[in-house]
PDB file of N, CA and C in Angstrom:
ATOM      1  N   MET A   1     -18.505  21.740  56.552  1.00  0.00           N
ATOM      2  CA  MET A   1     -17.147  21.157  56.786  1.00  0.00           C
ATOM      3  C   MET A   1     -16.598  22.129  55.541  1.00  0.00           C
ATOM      4  N   HIS A   2     -15.339  23.207  55.924  1.00  0.00           N
ATOM      5  CA  HIS A   2     -14.562  23.759  55.006  1.00  0.00           C
ATOM      6  C   HIS A   2     -13.174  23.264  55.570  1.00  0.00           C
ATOM      7  N   VAL A   3     -12.696  22.782  54.285  1.00  0.00           N
ATOM      8  CA  VAL A   3     -10.979  22.095  54.729  1.00  0.00           C
ATOM      9  C   VAL A   3     -10.134  22.840  53.606  1.00  0.00           C
ATOM     10  N   LEU A   4      -9.014  23.443  54.521  1.00  0.00           N
ATOM     11  CA  LEU A   4      -8.173  24.277  54.044  1.00  0.00           C
ATOM     12  C   LEU A   4      -6.887  23.352  53.678  1.00  0.00           C
ATOM     13  N   THR A   5      -6.620  22.921  52.417  1.00  0.00           N
ATOM     14  CA  THR A   5      -5.397  21.878  52.442  1.00  0.00           C
ATOM     15  C   THR A   5      -4.384  22.964  52.004  1.00  0.00           C
ATOM     16  N   VAL A   6      -3.205  22.483  52.493  1.00  0.00           N
ATOM     17  CA  VAL A   6      -1.577  23.333  51.756  1.00  0.00           C
ATOM     18  C   VAL A   6      -1.068  22.109  51.255  1.00  0.00           C
ATOM     19  N   GLY A   7      -0.652  22.007  50.154  1.00  0.00           N
ATOM     20  CA  GLY A   7       0.560  20.974  49.512  1.00  0.00           C
ATOM     21  C   GLY A   7       1.710  21.696  49.454  1.00  0.00           C
ATOM     22  N   TYR A   8       2.412  21.449  50.216  1.00  0.00           N
ATOM     23  CA  TYR A   8       4.251  21.838  50.293  1.00  0.00           C
ATOM     24  C   TYR A   8       4.692  20.965  49.153  1.00  0.00           C
ATOM     25  N   GLY A   9       5.726  21.681  48.411  1.00  0.00           N
ATOM     26  CA  GLY A   9       6.503  21.164  47.599  1.00  0.00           C
ATOM     27  C   GLY A   9       7.528  20.594  48.160  1.00  0.00           C
ATOM     28  N   HIS A  10       8.294  19.941  47.422  1.00  0.00           N
ATOM     29  CA  HIS A  10       9.303  19.069  47.857  1.00  0.00           C
ATOM     30  C   HIS A  10      10.574  20.093  48.266  1.00  0.00           C
ATOM     31  N   PRO A  11      10.855  19.949  49.509  1.00  0.00           N
ATOM     32  CA  PRO A  11      12.475  21.163  50.214  1.00  0.00           C
ATOM     33  C   PRO A  11      13.275  20.354  49.606  1.00  0.00           C
ATOM     34  N   ALA A  12      14.519  21.094  49.708  1.00  0.00           N
ATOM     35  CA  ALA A  12      15.640  20.801  49.481  1.00  0.00           C
ATOM     36  C   ALA A  12      16.504  19.524  50.871  1.00  0.00           C
ATOM     37  N   ASP A  13      16.072  20.209  51.886  1.00  0.00           N
ATOM     38  CA  ASP A  13      16.400  19.390  53.159  1.00  0.00           C
ATOM     39  C   ASP A  13      15.357  18.934  53.871  1.00  0.00           C
ATOM     40  N   PRO A  14      14.633  17.925  53.200  1.00  0.00           N
ATOM     41  CA  PRO A  14      13.571  17.177  53.880  1.00  0.00           C
ATOM     42  C   PRO A  14      13.399  16.915  55.610  1.00  0.00           C
ATOM     43  N   ALA A  15      14.863  16.778  56.246  1.00  0.00           N
ATOM     44  CA  ALA A  15      14.809  16.735  57.669  1.00  0.00           C
ATOM     45  C   ALA A  15      14.566  17.971  58.215  1.00  0.00           C
ATOM     46  N   ALA A  16      15.240  18.967  57.838  1.00  0.00           N
ATOM     47  CA  ALA A  16      15.201  20.509  58.084  1.00  0.00           C
ATOM     48  C   ALA A  16      13.876  20.675  58.131  1.00  0.00           C
ATOM     49  N   PHE A  17      13.035  20.647  56.818  1.00  0.00           N
ATOM     50  CA  PHE A  17      11.479  21.183  56.935  1.00  0.00           C
ATOM     51  C   PHE A  17      10.915  20.261  58.115  1.00  0.00           C
ATOM     52  N   ASP A  18      11.058  19.262  57.653  1.00  0.00           N
ATOM     53  CA  ASP A  18       9.997  18.266  58.870  1.00  0.00           C
ATOM     54  C   ASP A  18      10.432  19.074  60.525  1.00  0.00           C
ATOM     55  N   ALA A  19      11.737  19.166  60.637  1.00  0.00           N
ATOM     56  CA  ALA A  19      11.874  19.741  61.844  1.00  0.00           C
ATOM     57  C   ALA A  19      11.148  21.088  62.352  1.00  0.00           C
ATOM     58  N   TYR A  20      11.404  22.123  61.242  1.00  0.00           N
ATOM     59  CA  TYR A  20      11.002  23.327  61.216  1.00  0.00           C
ATOM     60  C   TYR A  20       9.392  23.298  61.420  1.00  0.00           C
ATOM     61  N   TYR A  21       9.153  22.392  60.652  1.00  0.00           N
ATOM     62  CA  TYR A  21       7.147  22.235  60.671  1.00  0.00           C
ATOM     63  C   TYR A  21       6.866  21.662  61.695  1.00  0.00           C
ATOM     64  N   GLU A  22       7.564  20.821  62.383  1.00  0.00           N
ATOM     65  CA  GLU A  22       6.878  20.263  63.860  1.00  0.00           C
ATOM     66  C   GLU A  22       7.072  21.004  64.650  1.00  0.00           C
ATOM     67  N   SER A  23       7.998  21.807  64.921  1.00  0.00           N
ATOM     68  CA  SER A  23       8.579  22.470  66.165  1.00  0.00           C
ATOM     69  C   SER A  23       8.068  23.950  66.183  1.00  0.00           C
ATOM     70  N   THR A  24       7.941  24.826  65.115  1.00  0.00           N
ATOM     71  CA  THR A  24       7.537  25.777  64.900  1.00  0.00           C
ATOM     72  C   THR A  24       6.116  26.163  64.096  1.00  0.00           C
ATOM     73  N   HIS A  25       6.021  25.784  62.630  1.00  0.00           N
ATOM     74  CA  HIS A  25       4.835  25.950  61.747  1.00  0.00           C
ATOM     75  C   HIS A  25       3.769  25.127  62.480  1.00  0.00           C
ATOM     76  N   ARG A  26       3.808  23.938  62.644  1.00  0.00           N
ATOM     77  CA  ARG A  26       2.362  23.114  63.020  1.00  0.00           C
ATOM     78  C   ARG A  26       1.945  23.716  64.582  1.00  0.00           C
ATOM     79  N   PRO A  27       2.807  24.293  65.864  1.00  0.00           N
ATOM     80  CA  PRO A  27       2.056  24.953  66.583  1.00  0.00           C
ATOM     81  C   PRO A  27       1.311  26.048  66.403  1.00  0.00           C
ATOM     82  N   LEU A  28       2.087  26.973  65.432  1.00  0.00           N
ATOM     83  CA  LEU A  28       1.462  28.297  64.595  1.00  0.00           C
ATOM     84  C   LEU A  28       0.281  28.092  64.056  1.00  0.00           C
ATOM     85  N   ALA A  29      -0.277  27.199  63.414  1.00  0.00           N
ATOM     86  CA  ALA A  29      -1.424  26.804  62.965  1.00  0.00           C
ATOM     87  C   ALA A  29      -2.368  26.110  63.736  1.00  0.00           C
ATOM     88  N   GLN A  30      -2.071  25.375  64.649  1.00  0.00           N
ATOM     89  CA  GLN A  30      -3.036  25.024  65.863  1.00  0.00           C
ATOM     90  C   GLN A  30      -3.330  25.815  66.721  1.00  0.00           C
ATOM     91  N   LYS A  31      -2.477  27.107  66.502  1.00  0.00           N
ATOM     92  CA  LYS A  31      -3.608  28.457  67.306  1.00  0.00           C
ATOM     93  C   LYS A  31      -4.610  29.039  66.646  1.00  0.00           C
ATOM     94  N   VAL A  32      -4.677  28.694  65.520  1.00  0.00           N
ATOM     95  CA  VAL A  32      -5.823  29.469  64.385  1.00  0.00           C
ATOM     96  C   VAL A  32      -7.219  29.305  65.201  1.00  0.00           C
ATOM     97  N   PRO A  33      -7.943  30.268  65.667  1.00  0.00           N
ATOM     98  CA  PRO A  33      -9.171  30.119  65.998  1.00  0.00           C
ATOM     99  C   PRO A  33     -10.351  29.112  65.060  1.00  0.00           C
ATOM    100  N   GLY A  34     -10.903  28.767  65.903  1.00  0.00           N
ATOM    101  CA  GLY A  34     -12.065  27.965  65.040  1.00  0.00           C
ATOM    102  C   GLY A  34     -11.807  26.844  64.420  1.00  0.00           C
ATOM    103  N   LEU A  35     -10.433  26.506  64.809  1.00  0.00           N
ATOM    104  CA  LEU A  35     -10.098  24.936  63.890  1.00  0.00           C
ATOM    105  C   LEU A  35     -10.282  23.751  64.536  1.00  0.00           C
ATOM    106  N   GLN A  36     -11.286  23.104  63.749  1.00  0.00           N
ATOM    107  CA  GLN A  36     -11.654  21.615  64.329  1.00  0.00           C
ATOM    108  C   GLN A  36     -10.791  20.628  64.662  1.00  0.00           C
ATOM    109  N   SER A  37     -10.274  20.650  63.222  1.00  0.00           N
ATOM    110  CA  SER A  37      -9.108  19.615  63.181  1.00  0.00           C
ATOM    111  C   SER A  37      -8.088  19.822  62.374  1.00  0.00           C
ATOM    112  N   PHE A  38      -6.903  19.146  62.727  1.00  0.00           N
ATOM    113  CA  PHE A  38      -5.496  19.403  61.717  1.00  0.00           C
ATOM    114  C   PHE A  38      -4.713  18.140  61.536  1.00  0.00           C
ATOM    115  N   THR A  39      -4.532  17.784  60.176  1.00  0.00           N
ATOM    116  CA  THR A  39      -3.837  16.510  59.715  1.00  0.00           C
ATOM    117  C   THR A  39      -2.708  17.079  59.062  1.00  0.00           C
ATOM    118  N   ALA A  40      -1.610  16.297  59.132  1.00  0.00           N
ATOM    119  CA  ALA A  40      -0.338  16.832  58.370  1.00  0.00           C
ATOM    120  C   ALA A  40       0.209  15.265  57.580  1.00  0.00           C
ATOM    121  N   ARG A  41       0.041  15.160  56.539  1.00  0.00           N
ATOM    122  CA  ARG A  41       0.911  13.669  55.905  1.00  0.00           C
ATOM    123  C   ARG A  41       1.480  13.928  54.991  1.00  0.00           C
ATOM    124  N   HIS A  42       2.703  13.562  55.235  1.00  0.00           N
ATOM    125  CA  HIS A  42       3.861  13.220  54.049  1.00  0.00           C
ATOM    126  C   HIS A  42       3.257  12.428  52.749  1.00  0.00           C
ATOM    127  N   CYS A  43       3.622  12.704  51.507  1.00  0.00           N
ATOM    128  CA  CYS A  43       3.358  12.100  50.430  1.00  0.00           C
ATOM    129  C   CYS A  43       4.083  10.875  49.756  1.00  0.00           C
ATOM    130  N   ALA A  44       3.544   9.996  49.092  1.00  0.00           N
ATOM    131  CA  ALA A  44       3.934   8.615  48.286  1.00  0.00           C
ATOM    132  C   ALA A  44       3.610   8.702  46.910  1.00  0.00           C
ATOM    133  N   ALA A  45       4.402   8.532  46.070  1.00  0.00           N
ATOM    134  CA  ALA A  45       3.645   8.320  44.937  1.00  0.00           C
ATOM    135  C   ALA A  45       3.170   6.587  44.666  1.00  0.00           C
ATOM    136  N   LEU A  46       2.300   6.285  43.907  1.00  0.00           N
ATOM    137  CA  LEU A  46       1.903   4.574  43.513  1.00  0.00           C
ATOM    138  C   LEU A  46       3.369   3.938  42.924  1.00  0.00           C
ATOM    139  N   ASP A  47       4.090   4.787  42.168  1.00  0.00           N
ATOM    140  CA  ASP A  47       4.987   4.207  41.488  1.00  0.00           C
ATOM    141  C   ASP A  47       6.329   4.736  42.047  1.00  0.00           C
ATOM    142  N   GLU A  48       7.448   4.612  41.022  1.00  0.00           N
ATOM    143  CA  GLU A  48       8.831   5.132  41.477  1.00  0.00           C
ATOM    144  C   GLU A  48       8.850   6.916  41.214  1.00  0.00           C
ATOM    145  N   SER A  49       7.838   7.220  40.731  1.00  0.00           N
ATOM    146  CA  SER A  49       7.958   8.788  40.301  1.00  0.00           C
ATOM    147  C   SER A  49       7.720   9.677  41.818  1.00  0.00           C
ATOM    148  N   PRO A  50       8.376  10.844  41.535  1.00  0.00           N
ATOM    149  CA  PRO A  50       8.033  11.520  43.184  1.00  0.00           C
ATOM    150  C   PRO A  50       6.778  12.274  42.964  1.00  0.00           C
ATOM    151  N   PRO A  51       5.872  11.877  44.122  1.00  0.00           N
ATOM    152  CA  PRO A  51       4.573  12.939  44.204  1.00  0.00           C
ATOM    153  C   PRO A  51       4.231  14.140  43.742  1.00  0.00           C
ATOM    154  N   PRO A  52       3.434  14.876  43.597  1.00  0.00           N
ATOM    155  CA  PRO A  52       3.543  16.043  43.451  1.00  0.00           C
ATOM    156  C   PRO A  52       3.597  16.985  44.368  1.00  0.00           C
ATOM    157  N   TYR A  53       3.545  16.793  45.995  1.00  0.00           N
ATOM    158  CA  TYR A  53       3.818  17.245  46.962  1.00  0.00           C
ATOM    159  C   TYR A  53       4.679  16.407  48.124  1.00  0.00           C
ATOM    160  N   TYR A  54       5.538  17.292  48.831  1.00  0.00           N
ATOM    161  CA  TYR A  54       6.080  16.435  49.630  1.00  0.00           C
ATOM    162  C   TYR A  54       5.175  16.363  51.240  1.00  0.00           C
ATOM    163  N   LEU A  55       4.322  17.106  51.332  1.00  0.00           N
ATOM    164  CA  LEU A  55       3.516  17.383  52.630  1.00  0.00           C
ATOM    165  C   LEU A  55       2.019  17.800  52.197  1.00  0.00           C
ATOM    166  N   LEU A  56       1.072  17.024  52.951  1.00  0.00           N
ATOM    167  CA  LEU A  56      -0.075  17.636  52.638  1.00  0.00           C
ATOM    168  C   LEU A  56      -0.574  17.860  54.240  1.00  0.00           C
ATOM    169  N   ALA A  57      -1.285  19.152  54.522  1.00  0.00           N
ATOM    170  CA  ALA A  57      -1.861  19.588  55.951  1.00  0.00           C
ATOM    171  C   ALA A  57      -3.256  19.753  55.008  1.00  0.00           C
ATOM    172  N   GLU A  58      -4.202  19.466  56.276  1.00  0.00           N
ATOM    173  CA  GLU A  58      -5.502  19.960  56.172  1.00  0.00           C
ATOM    174  C   GLU A  58      -6.071  20.174  57.649  1.00  0.00           C
ATOM    175  N   LEU A  59      -6.544  21.581  57.384  1.00  0.00           N
ATOM    176  CA  LEU A  59      -7.084  22.148  58.374  1.00  0.00           C
ATOM    177  C   LEU A  59      -8.735  22.276  58.262  1.00  0.00           C
ATOM    178  N   ALA A  60      -9.302  22.077  59.041  1.00  0.00           N
ATOM    179  CA  ALA A  60     -10.924  21.727  58.940  1.00  0.00           C
ATOM    180  C   ALA A  60     -11.512  22.726  59.680  1.00  0.00           C
ATOM    181  N   PHE A  61     -12.452  23.450  59.553  1.00  0.00           N
ATOM    182  CA  PHE A  61     -13.169  24.438  59.795  1.00  0.00           C
ATOM    183  C   PHE A  61     -14.930  24.161  59.789  1.00  0.00           C
ATOM    184  N   THR A  62     -15.735  24.613  60.457  1.00  0.00           N
ATOM    185  CA  THR A  62     -17.166  24.341  60.493  1.00  0.00           C
ATOM    186  C   THR A  62     -17.916  25.133  59.339  1.00  0.00           C
ATOM    187  N   SER A  63     -17.469  26.424  59.003  1.00  0.00           N
ATOM    188  CA  SER A  63     -18.058  26.818  57.634  1.00  0.00           C
ATOM    189  C   SER A  63     -17.308  27.657  56.962  1.00  0.00           C
ATOM    190  N   GLY A  64     -17.661  27.895  56.017  1.00  0.00           N
ATOM    191  CA  GLY A  64     -16.657  29.206  55.391  1.00  0.00           C
ATOM    192  C   GLY A  64     -16.625  30.403  55.884  1.00  0.00           C
ATOM    193  N   ASP A  65     -17.134  31.049  56.617  1.00  0.00           N
ATOM    194  CA  ASP A  65     -17.269  31.948  57.338  1.00  0.00           C
ATOM    195  C   ASP A  65     -16.190  31.759  58.559  1.00  0.00           C
ATOM    196  N   ALA A  66     -16.157  30.382  58.953  1.00  0.00           N
ATOM    197  CA  ALA A  66     -15.153  30.321  60.260  1.00  0.00           C
ATOM    198  C   ALA A  66     -13.820  30.326  59.778  1.00  0.00           C
ATOM    199  N   LEU A  67     -13.893  29.517  58.536  1.00  0.00           N
ATOM    200  CA  LEU A  67     -12.256  29.781  57.603  1.00  0.00           C
ATOM    201  C   LEU A  67     -12.241  31.187  57.638  1.00  0.00           C
ATOM    202  N   ALA A  68     -13.036  32.195  56.629  1.00  0.00           N
ATOM    203  CA  ALA A  68     -12.370  33.392  56.493  1.00  0.00           C
ATOM    204  C   ALA A  68     -11.936  34.202  57.837  1.00  0.00           C
ATOM    205  N   ALA A  69     -12.498  33.735  58.925  1.00  0.00           N
ATOM    206  CA  ALA A  69     -12.257  34.451  59.987  1.00  0.00           C
ATOM    207  C   ALA A  69     -11.239  33.996  60.509  1.00  0.00           C
ATOM    208  N   ALA A  70     -11.017  32.663  60.743  1.00  0.00           N
ATOM    209  CA  ALA A  70      -9.608  32.058  60.916  1.00  0.00           C
ATOM    210  C   ALA A  70      -8.249  32.898  60.356  1.00  0.00           C
ATOM    211  N   LEU A  71      -8.613  32.937  58.731  1.00  0.00           N
ATOM    212  CA  LEU A  71      -7.707  33.409  57.999  1.00  0.00           C
ATOM    213  C   LEU A  71      -7.226  34.742  58.251  1.00  0.00           C
ATOM    214  N   ALA A  72      -8.135  35.489  58.931  1.00  0.00           N
ATOM    215  CA  ALA A  72      -8.007  36.953  58.991  1.00  0.00           C
ATOM    216  C   ALA A  72      -7.369  37.306  60.389  1.00  0.00           C
ATOM    217  N   SER A  73      -7.404  36.381  61.003  1.00  0.00           N
ATOM    218  CA  SER A  73      -7.197  36.707  62.676  1.00  0.00           C
ATOM    219  C   SER A  73      -5.764  36.682  62.936  1.00  0.00           C
ATOM    220  N   ALA A  74      -5.179  37.242  63.651  1.00  0.00           N
ATOM    221  CA  ALA A  74      -3.498  37.655  64.163  1.00  0.00           C
ATOM    222  C   ALA A  74      -3.047  36.066  64.170  1.00  0.00           C
ATOM    223  N   GLU A  75      -3.660  35.226  64.600  1.00  0.00           N
ATOM    224  CA  GLU A  75      -3.239  33.892  64.222  1.00  0.00           C
ATOM    225  C   GLU A  75      -3.051  33.202  63.369  1.00  0.00           C
ATOM    226  N   GLY A  76      -4.120  33.315  62.238  1.00  0.00           N
ATOM    227  CA  GLY A  76      -3.792  33.096  60.989  1.00  0.00           C
ATOM    228  C   GLY A  76      -2.883  33.779  60.205  1.00  0.00           C
ATOM    229  N   GLN A  77      -2.741  35.085  60.299  1.00  0.00           N
ATOM    230  CA  GLN A  77      -1.651  35.845  59.519  1.00  0.00           C
ATOM    231  C   GLN A  77      -0.521  35.539  60.187  1.00  0.00           C
ATOM    232  N   ALA A  78      -0.023  35.485  61.306  1.00  0.00           N
ATOM    233  CA  ALA A  78       1.105  34.628  61.851  1.00  0.00           C
ATOM    234  C   ALA A  78       1.480  33.349  61.015  1.00  0.00           C
ATOM    235  N   ALA A  79       0.712  32.454  60.959  1.00  0.00           N
ATOM    236  CA  ALA A  79       0.767  31.117  60.436  1.00  0.00           C
ATOM    237  C   ALA A  79       1.532  31.332  58.773  1.00  0.00           C
ATOM    238  N   ALA A  80       0.568  32.029  58.277  1.00  0.00           N
ATOM    239  CA  ALA A  80       0.734  32.713  56.679  1.00  0.00           C
ATOM    240  C   ALA A  80       1.965  33.190  56.573  1.00  0.00           C
ATOM    241  N   ALA A  81       2.252  33.737  57.171  1.00  0.00           N
ATOM    242  CA  ALA A  81       3.704  34.480  56.884  1.00  0.00           C
ATOM    243  C   ALA A  81       4.925  33.738  57.246  1.00  0.00           C
ATOM    244  N   ASP A  82       4.886  32.814  58.119  1.00  0.00           N
ATOM    245  CA  ASP A  82       5.705  31.830  58.799  1.00  0.00           C
ATOM    246  C   ASP A  82       5.800  30.984  57.621  1.00  0.00           C
ATOM    247  N   ILE A  83       5.017  30.537  56.293  1.00  0.00           N
ATOM    248  CA  ILE A  83       5.212  29.806  55.226  1.00  0.00           C
ATOM    249  C   ILE A  83       6.748  30.239  54.497  1.00  0.00           C
ATOM    250  N   ALA A  84       6.910  31.451  54.218  1.00  0.00           N
ATOM    251  CA  ALA A  84       8.156  31.757  53.892  1.00  0.00           C
ATOM    252  C   ALA A  84       9.154  31.362  54.469  1.00  0.00           C
ATOM    253  N   ASN A  85       9.115  30.825  55.878  1.00  0.00           N
ATOM    254  CA  ASN A  85      10.397  30.751  56.420  1.00  0.00           C
ATOM    255  C   ASN A  85      10.866  29.390  56.371  1.00  0.00           C
ATOM    256  N   PHE A  86       9.850  28.397  55.608  1.00  0.00           N
ATOM    257  CA  PHE A  86      10.580  27.365  55.332  1.00  0.00           C
ATOM    258  C   PHE A  86       9.855  26.426  54.207  1.00  0.00           C
ATOM    259  N   ALA A  87       8.900  27.047  53.530  1.00  0.00           N
ATOM    260  CA  ALA A  87       8.546  26.341  52.452  1.00  0.00           C
ATOM    261  C   ALA A  87       9.243  26.591  51.131  1.00  0.00           C
ATOM    262  N   GLU A  88      10.510  26.243  50.803  1.00  0.00           N
ATOM    263  CA  GLU A  88      11.451  26.864  49.838  1.00  0.00           C
ATOM    264  C   GLU A  88      10.891  25.881  48.425  1.00  0.00           C
ATOM    265  N   GLY A  89      10.247  25.044  48.545  1.00  0.00           N
ATOM    266  CA  GLY A  89       9.620  24.001  47.599  1.00  0.00           C
ATOM    267  C   GLY A  89       8.256  24.579  46.886  1.00  0.00           C
ATOM    268  N   GLY A  90       7.877  26.045  47.639  1.00  0.00           N
ATOM    269  CA  GLY A  90       6.663  26.495  47.314  1.00  0.00           C
ATOM    270  C   GLY A  90       5.412  25.465  47.654  1.00  0.00           C
ATOM    271  N   VAL A  91       4.218  26.404  47.767  1.00  0.00           N
ATOM    272  CA  VAL A  91       2.999  25.810  48.598  1.00  0.00           C
ATOM    273  C   VAL A  91       1.740  26.164  47.590  1.00  0.00           C
ATOM    274  N   THR A  92       0.635  25.086  47.397  1.00  0.00           N
ATOM    275  CA  THR A  92      -0.369  25.458  46.756  1.00  0.00           C
ATOM    276  C   THR A  92      -1.342  25.116  48.010  1.00  0.00           C
ATOM    277  N   MET A  93      -2.659  25.997  47.890  1.00  0.00           N
ATOM    278  CA  MET A  93      -3.835  26.201  48.842  1.00  0.00           C
ATOM    279  C   MET A  93      -4.894  25.890  47.992  1.00  0.00           C
ATOM    280  N   PHE A  94      -5.821  25.302  48.717  1.00  0.00           N
ATOM    281  CA  PHE A  94      -7.325  24.874  48.113  1.00  0.00           C
ATOM    282  C   PHE A  94      -8.256  24.855  48.928  1.00  0.00           C
ATOM    283  N   ILE A  95      -9.409  25.121  48.971  1.00  0.00           N
ATOM    284  CA  ILE A  95     -10.338  25.007  49.989  1.00  0.00           C
ATOM    285  C   ILE A  95     -11.257  23.922  49.059  1.00  0.00           C
ATOM    286  N   GLN A  96     -11.658  22.850  50.453  1.00  0.00           N
ATOM    287  CA  GLN A  96     -12.937  21.922  50.004  1.00  0.00           C
ATOM    288  C   GLN A  96     -13.931  21.937  50.724  1.00  0.00           C
ATOM    289  N   HIS A  97     -15.166  21.647  50.495  1.00  0.00           N
ATOM    290  CA  HIS A  97     -16.595  22.095  51.182  1.00  0.00           C
ATOM    291  C   HIS A  97     -17.331  21.138  50.782  1.00  0.00           C
ATOM    292  N   ASP A  98     -18.108  20.743  51.683  1.00  0.00           N
ATOM    293  CA  ASP A  98     -19.900  19.919  51.471  1.00  0.00           C
ATOM    294  C   ASP A  98     -20.478  20.845  50.272  1.00  0.00           C
TER     295      ASP A  98
END
């Protein structure tokens, strides 16, 4: 399994971020071919400090080749291009694999 993790920085307007993410970005991401599972969760710290990310999304694929094909697809490119429309707090992406 190969998992693309996307860490979204803190937005200036969390409610607007959440509304856009759920109504526009998440549906785009869910159309990516080869996607096995998709989760997105808000973050909280163990103490009173802010967590490093506002939201973490995990997109799982069966292999590195499937992940690469997904990112190169028209749907993957559309989801990637959409990030600039709402992720004003920045984005960090990395891949986890077995």
